[in-house]
Amino acid sequence: MSDIKFNTDMADERVDEYKVINNMSDIDGIDIKEEKFEEFKVTEVNVTNENGASAIDKQIGKYITFEMENVKYINNREQVINKLKDYLLQLIDSKTSSIMVVGLGNMYVTPDALGSKVVKGIDVTRHILKLTHGILSEETREVSAICPGVMGNTGIQTSEIISSVSKIVNPEYIIVIDSLMSKSIKRVGASIQISNTGITPGSGITGINSKIDKDSTNARVISLGVPMVVDIATITNDALSKIENSTDEKNERYQKIAATLDTENYIVTPKDIDELIEITSDIISQSINEII
Protein backbone atom coordinates (compact mmCIF):
# COMPACT_ATOMS: atom_id res chain seq x y z
CA MET A 1 0.00 0.00 0.00
CA SER A 2 1.21 3.50 -0.83
CA ASP A 3 2.46 5.66 2.04
CA ILE A 4 0.76 8.67 0.39
CA LYS A 5 -2.64 9.69 1.74
CA PHE A 6 -4.59 10.18 -1.47
CA ASN A 7 -7.58 12.48 -1.13
CA THR A 8 -9.13 11.44 -4.41
CA ASP A 9 -10.88 8.39 -5.84
CA MET A 10 -9.71 9.25 -9.36
CA ALA A 11 -6.95 6.92 -10.61
CA ASP A 12 -5.44 9.43 -13.04
CA GLU A 13 -5.16 12.04 -10.27
CA ARG A 14 -3.41 9.52 -8.02
CA VAL A 15 -0.94 8.73 -10.80
CA ASP A 16 -0.16 12.43 -11.30
CA GLU A 17 0.25 13.01 -7.56
CA TYR A 18 2.52 9.99 -7.10
CA LYS A 19 4.73 11.14 -9.96
CA VAL A 20 5.04 14.68 -8.59
CA ILE A 21 5.79 13.63 -5.01
CA ASN A 22 8.37 11.05 -6.11
CA ASN A 23 9.76 13.15 -9.00
CA MET A 24 9.04 10.40 -11.53
CA SER A 25 7.97 10.47 -15.16
CA ASP A 26 6.71 6.88 -15.26
CA ILE A 27 5.53 4.28 -12.75
CA ASP A 28 6.35 0.61 -13.15
CA GLY A 29 3.08 -1.30 -13.49
CA ILE A 30 1.02 1.62 -14.79
CA ASP A 31 0.32 2.28 -18.47
CA ILE A 32 -1.52 5.41 -19.57
CA LYS A 33 -3.28 6.20 -22.84
CA GLU A 34 -5.05 9.42 -23.76
CA GLU A 35 -7.59 10.18 -26.43
CA LYS A 36 -8.73 13.75 -27.05
CA PHE A 37 -12.01 14.84 -28.52
CA GLU A 38 -13.39 18.29 -29.27
CA GLU A 39 -15.10 18.76 -25.90
CA PHE A 40 -13.65 16.05 -23.66
CA LYS A 41 -10.63 13.87 -23.00
CA VAL A 42 -10.44 10.16 -22.15
CA THR A 43 -7.57 8.91 -20.01
CA GLU A 44 -7.12 5.16 -19.60
CA VAL A 45 -5.00 4.05 -16.64
CA ASN A 46 -4.07 0.36 -16.77
CA VAL A 47 -2.64 -0.98 -13.52
CA THR A 48 -0.77 -4.08 -14.65
CA ASN A 49 1.12 -5.38 -11.61
CA GLU A 50 1.37 -5.19 -7.82
CA ASN A 51 3.94 -2.42 -7.94
CA GLY A 52 1.54 -0.14 -9.81
CA ALA A 53 -1.33 -1.15 -7.56
CA SER A 54 0.72 -0.38 -4.45
CA ALA A 55 1.92 2.97 -5.83
CA ILE A 56 -1.56 4.47 -6.26
CA ASP A 57 -3.41 2.21 -3.79
CA LYS A 58 -5.71 0.82 -6.49
CA GLN A 59 -6.31 -2.76 -7.59
CA ILE A 60 -4.91 -4.22 -10.80
CA GLY A 61 -7.31 -3.39 -13.63
CA LYS A 62 -8.60 -0.61 -15.88
CA TYR A 63 -9.56 2.91 -14.82
CA ILE A 64 -11.03 5.02 -17.63
CA THR A 65 -11.73 8.69 -16.99
CA PHE A 66 -13.82 11.06 -19.09
CA GLU A 67 -12.91 14.66 -18.38
CA MET A 68 -15.12 17.47 -19.69
CA GLU A 69 -14.16 21.11 -19.39
CA ASN A 70 -17.70 22.24 -18.63
CA VAL A 71 -20.36 19.55 -18.60
CA LYS A 72 -23.20 22.10 -18.36
CA TYR A 73 -22.34 23.69 -21.68
CA ILE A 74 -21.13 20.70 -23.69
CA ASN A 75 -22.57 20.89 -27.20
CA ASN A 76 -22.30 17.25 -28.31
CA ARG A 77 -23.55 15.23 -25.36
CA GLU A 78 -24.35 12.31 -27.67
CA GLN A 79 -20.64 11.90 -28.44
CA VAL A 80 -19.90 11.50 -24.73
CA ILE A 81 -22.76 9.00 -24.32
CA ASN A 82 -21.67 6.93 -27.32
CA LYS A 83 -18.02 6.85 -26.25
CA LEU A 84 -19.01 5.88 -22.71
CA LYS A 85 -21.15 3.11 -24.21
CA ASP A 86 -18.19 1.87 -26.26
CA TYR A 87 -15.99 1.56 -23.16
CA LEU A 88 -18.75 -0.26 -21.26
CA LEU A 89 -19.05 -2.75 -24.11
CA GLN A 90 -15.29 -3.34 -23.95
CA LEU A 91 -15.72 -4.49 -20.35
CA ILE A 92 -18.76 -6.72 -21.02
CA ASP A 93 -17.99 -9.90 -22.93
CA SER A 94 -21.35 -10.90 -24.37
CA LYS A 95 -24.12 -8.93 -26.05
CA THR A 96 -26.67 -10.94 -24.06
CA SER A 97 -25.01 -10.92 -20.62
CA SER A 98 -27.47 -10.06 -17.87
CA ILE A 99 -26.83 -6.85 -15.91
CA MET A 100 -27.91 -5.52 -12.54
CA VAL A 101 -27.48 -1.76 -12.11
CA VAL A 102 -26.91 -0.64 -8.53
CA GLY A 103 -27.29 2.98 -7.47
CA LEU A 104 -25.21 3.57 -4.36
CA GLY A 105 -25.41 6.50 -1.99
CA ASN A 106 -28.02 8.45 -0.07
CA MET A 107 -30.82 9.73 -2.30
CA TYR A 108 -31.72 12.34 0.33
CA VAL A 109 -28.29 14.03 0.21
CA THR A 110 -27.77 15.77 -3.13
CA PRO A 111 -24.01 15.17 -3.69
CA ASP A 112 -24.58 11.50 -2.83
CA ALA A 113 -27.71 11.01 -4.94
CA LEU A 114 -26.03 10.22 -8.29
CA GLY A 115 -26.68 6.48 -8.05
CA SER A 116 -30.40 6.78 -7.37
CA LYS A 117 -30.76 9.35 -10.16
CA VAL A 118 -29.10 7.00 -12.65
CA VAL A 119 -31.30 4.06 -11.63
CA LYS A 120 -34.44 6.14 -12.27
CA GLY A 121 -33.35 6.51 -15.89
CA ILE A 122 -32.51 2.83 -16.54
CA ASP A 123 -34.73 0.80 -18.90
CA VAL A 124 -35.17 -2.34 -16.79
CA THR A 125 -36.24 -5.46 -18.71
CA ARG A 126 -35.95 -8.44 -16.36
CA HIS A 127 -39.59 -8.41 -15.25
CA ILE A 128 -40.84 -8.12 -18.83
CA LEU A 129 -38.65 -10.97 -20.06
CA LYS A 130 -39.64 -13.17 -17.11
CA LEU A 131 -43.38 -12.52 -17.15
CA THR A 132 -44.21 -12.08 -20.83
CA HIS A 133 -43.13 -13.45 -24.19
CA GLY A 134 -42.80 -11.74 -27.54
CA ILE A 135 -43.05 -8.16 -26.29
CA LEU A 136 -39.29 -7.61 -26.37
CA SER A 137 -36.79 -8.88 -28.91
CA GLU A 138 -35.05 -12.17 -28.10
CA GLU A 139 -31.78 -10.25 -28.22
CA THR A 140 -32.85 -7.88 -25.43
CA ARG A 141 -30.46 -7.95 -22.53
CA GLU A 142 -31.88 -8.80 -19.10
CA VAL A 143 -31.50 -5.70 -16.91
CA SER A 144 -32.53 -5.16 -13.30
CA ALA A 145 -31.81 -2.24 -10.96
CA ILE A 146 -31.80 -1.50 -7.23
CA CYS A 147 -30.93 1.33 -4.82
CA PRO A 148 -29.82 -0.33 -1.56
CA GLY A 149 -29.51 2.95 0.36
CA VAL A 150 -26.88 3.60 3.01
CA MET A 151 -26.05 1.77 6.22
CA GLY A 152 -27.03 4.79 8.30
CA ASN A 153 -30.63 4.38 7.10
CA THR A 154 -30.87 0.60 6.74
CA GLY A 155 -28.52 -0.73 9.41
CA ILE A 156 -27.19 -3.12 6.77
CA GLN A 157 -23.91 -2.85 4.88
CA THR A 158 -24.52 -2.03 1.22
CA SER A 159 -22.30 -4.91 0.16
CA GLU A 160 -24.48 -7.35 2.15
CA ILE A 161 -27.65 -6.18 0.39
CA ILE A 162 -26.08 -6.40 -3.06
CA SER A 163 -24.61 -9.82 -2.34
CA SER A 164 -28.00 -11.14 -1.17
CA VAL A 165 -29.93 -9.74 -4.15
CA SER A 166 -27.24 -10.99 -6.55
CA LYS A 167 -27.78 -14.57 -5.32
CA ILE A 168 -31.46 -14.30 -6.30
CA VAL A 169 -31.16 -12.33 -9.56
CA ASN A 170 -27.88 -14.01 -10.59
CA PRO A 171 -26.62 -11.30 -12.98
CA GLU A 172 -23.45 -11.87 -14.98
CA TYR A 173 -22.44 -8.23 -14.52
CA ILE A 174 -23.18 -5.63 -11.87
CA ILE A 175 -22.77 -1.97 -12.82
CA VAL A 176 -22.36 0.08 -9.65
CA ILE A 177 -22.92 3.86 -9.70
CA ASP A 178 -21.53 6.09 -6.96
CA SER A 179 -20.40 9.62 -6.15
CA LEU A 180 -16.64 9.99 -5.82
CA MET A 181 -14.10 12.44 -4.40
CA SER A 182 -11.66 14.47 -6.48
CA LYS A 183 -8.67 16.61 -5.54
CA SER A 184 -9.75 19.35 -7.95
CA ILE A 185 -12.93 21.42 -7.68
CA LYS A 186 -12.85 21.82 -11.48
CA ARG A 187 -13.46 18.09 -11.92
CA VAL A 188 -16.52 17.94 -9.68
CA GLY A 189 -19.47 16.95 -11.84
CA ALA A 190 -17.27 17.15 -14.94
CA SER A 191 -15.51 13.76 -14.92
CA ILE A 192 -16.71 10.17 -15.15
CA GLN A 193 -14.56 7.23 -14.07
CA ILE A 194 -15.18 3.64 -15.19
CA SER A 195 -13.40 0.71 -13.59
CA ASN A 196 -13.54 -3.09 -13.76
CA THR A 197 -12.08 -3.65 -10.27
CA GLY A 198 -15.16 -3.30 -8.06
CA ILE A 199 -15.80 -0.61 -5.49
CA THR A 200 -15.88 -0.03 -1.73
CA PRO A 201 -18.75 2.41 -1.07
CA GLY A 202 -17.94 5.23 1.32
CA SER A 203 -14.27 4.24 1.51
CA GLY A 204 -13.14 7.80 0.91
CA ILE A 205 -15.09 9.08 3.91
CA THR A 206 -15.90 6.31 6.40
CA GLY A 207 -13.96 3.29 5.23
CA ILE A 208 -16.56 1.05 6.92
CA ASN A 209 -18.26 -0.79 4.05
CA SER A 210 -16.96 -4.00 2.51
CA LYS A 211 -15.84 -4.24 -1.09
CA ILE A 212 -18.33 -4.99 -3.85
CA ASP A 213 -16.54 -7.27 -6.30
CA LYS A 214 -16.70 -10.72 -7.94
CA ASP A 215 -15.82 -12.48 -4.69
CA SER A 216 -18.72 -10.91 -2.78
CA THR A 217 -21.34 -10.98 -5.55
CA ASN A 218 -20.34 -13.85 -7.90
CA ALA A 219 -20.70 -11.36 -10.76
CA ARG A 220 -18.22 -9.19 -12.59
CA VAL A 221 -18.43 -5.69 -11.17
CA ILE A 222 -18.03 -2.51 -13.21
CA SER A 223 -18.08 0.78 -11.32
CA LEU A 224 -19.10 4.14 -12.74
CA GLY A 225 -18.51 7.22 -10.64
CA VAL A 226 -18.53 10.99 -10.81
CA PRO A 227 -16.59 13.18 -8.35
CA MET A 228 -19.12 15.30 -6.48
CA VAL A 229 -17.07 16.51 -3.51
CA VAL A 230 -13.60 17.80 -2.60
CA ASP A 231 -12.24 18.03 0.92
CA ILE A 232 -11.48 21.56 2.09
CA ALA A 233 -7.87 20.81 3.02
CA THR A 234 -7.20 19.70 -0.56
CA ILE A 235 -8.50 23.02 -1.89
CA THR A 236 -6.33 24.92 0.59
CA ASN A 237 -3.30 22.79 -0.25
CA ASP A 238 -3.74 23.32 -3.99
CA ALA A 239 -4.12 27.07 -3.48
CA LEU A 240 -0.87 27.19 -1.51
CA SER A 241 0.86 25.14 -4.20
CA LYS A 242 -0.08 27.73 -6.80
CA ILE A 243 0.93 30.63 -4.57
CA GLU A 244 4.29 29.09 -3.73
CA ASN A 245 4.74 27.67 -7.23
CA SER A 246 6.23 24.59 -5.64
CA THR A 247 5.22 20.97 -5.08
CA ASP A 248 7.92 20.10 -2.51
CA GLU A 249 6.65 18.14 0.46
CA LYS A 250 3.13 18.41 -0.91
CA ASN A 251 1.79 15.37 0.94
CA GLU A 252 3.35 16.49 4.23
CA ARG A 253 1.93 19.98 3.79
CA TYR A 254 -1.54 18.56 3.19
CA GLN A 255 -1.37 16.66 6.48
CA LYS A 256 -0.39 19.84 8.35
CA ILE A 257 -3.24 21.81 6.73
CA ALA A 258 -5.79 19.11 7.52
CA ALA A 259 -4.63 18.96 11.14
CA THR A 260 -4.61 22.74 11.52
CA LEU A 261 -8.07 23.27 10.02
CA ASP A 262 -9.48 20.08 11.59
CA THR A 263 -11.09 19.27 8.23
CA GLU A 264 -10.99 15.47 8.25
CA ASN A 265 -14.79 15.22 8.32
CA TYR A 266 -15.57 18.22 6.10
CA ILE A 267 -16.06 18.14 2.35
CA VAL A 268 -17.08 20.81 -0.16
CA THR A 269 -19.48 20.62 -3.08
CA PRO A 270 -20.36 23.36 -5.65
CA LYS A 271 -23.54 25.43 -5.42
CA ASP A 272 -24.82 24.07 -8.75
CA ILE A 273 -24.56 20.44 -7.59
CA ASP A 274 -28.26 19.74 -8.37
CA GLU A 275 -27.75 20.60 -12.02
CA LEU A 276 -24.49 18.66 -12.24
CA ILE A 277 -26.16 15.57 -10.77
CA GLU A 278 -29.01 15.79 -13.29
CA ILE A 279 -26.70 16.15 -16.29
CA THR A 280 -24.18 13.45 -15.37
CA SER A 281 -26.84 10.96 -14.25
CA ASP A 282 -28.60 11.45 -17.59
CA ILE A 283 -25.37 10.81 -19.51
CA ILE A 284 -24.65 7.64 -17.55
CA SER A 285 -28.18 6.21 -17.69
CA GLN A 286 -28.42 6.85 -21.43
CA SER A 287 -25.06 5.17 -22.06
CA ILE A 288 -26.18 2.09 -20.09
CA ASN A 289 -29.52 2.01 -21.95
CA GLU A 290 -27.56 2.02 -25.23
CA ILE A 291 -26.08 -1.40 -24.41
CA ILE A 292 -29.41 -3.06 -23.49
Foldseek 3Di string as FASTA:
>chain_A
DAPFDDLWPAQVVLQVLLCQAVVHDDFPQWDWDKDDDPFKIKIKIARGDPRSCHSSVHDGWIKIKIFGQDLVPDDCLVVVLQVVLVVVCVLDPDLAFAEEEEQEAACVDLLWNLRVLLQVLADACQVVVVPHPDPDDPSDHHYHYDYPHPCVVVVDFPLVVLQVVCVVVVGQEYEYETAIAHLDLSQALRMKMKIQAFDFPPCSQPNPHDTRACVSRVHGYMYIYGHFKYFPLSVVLVVVCVVVVDCHPSSVSSVVSCVVVVRSNPIDGDPCSNVSSNSVSVSVSSSVNVSD
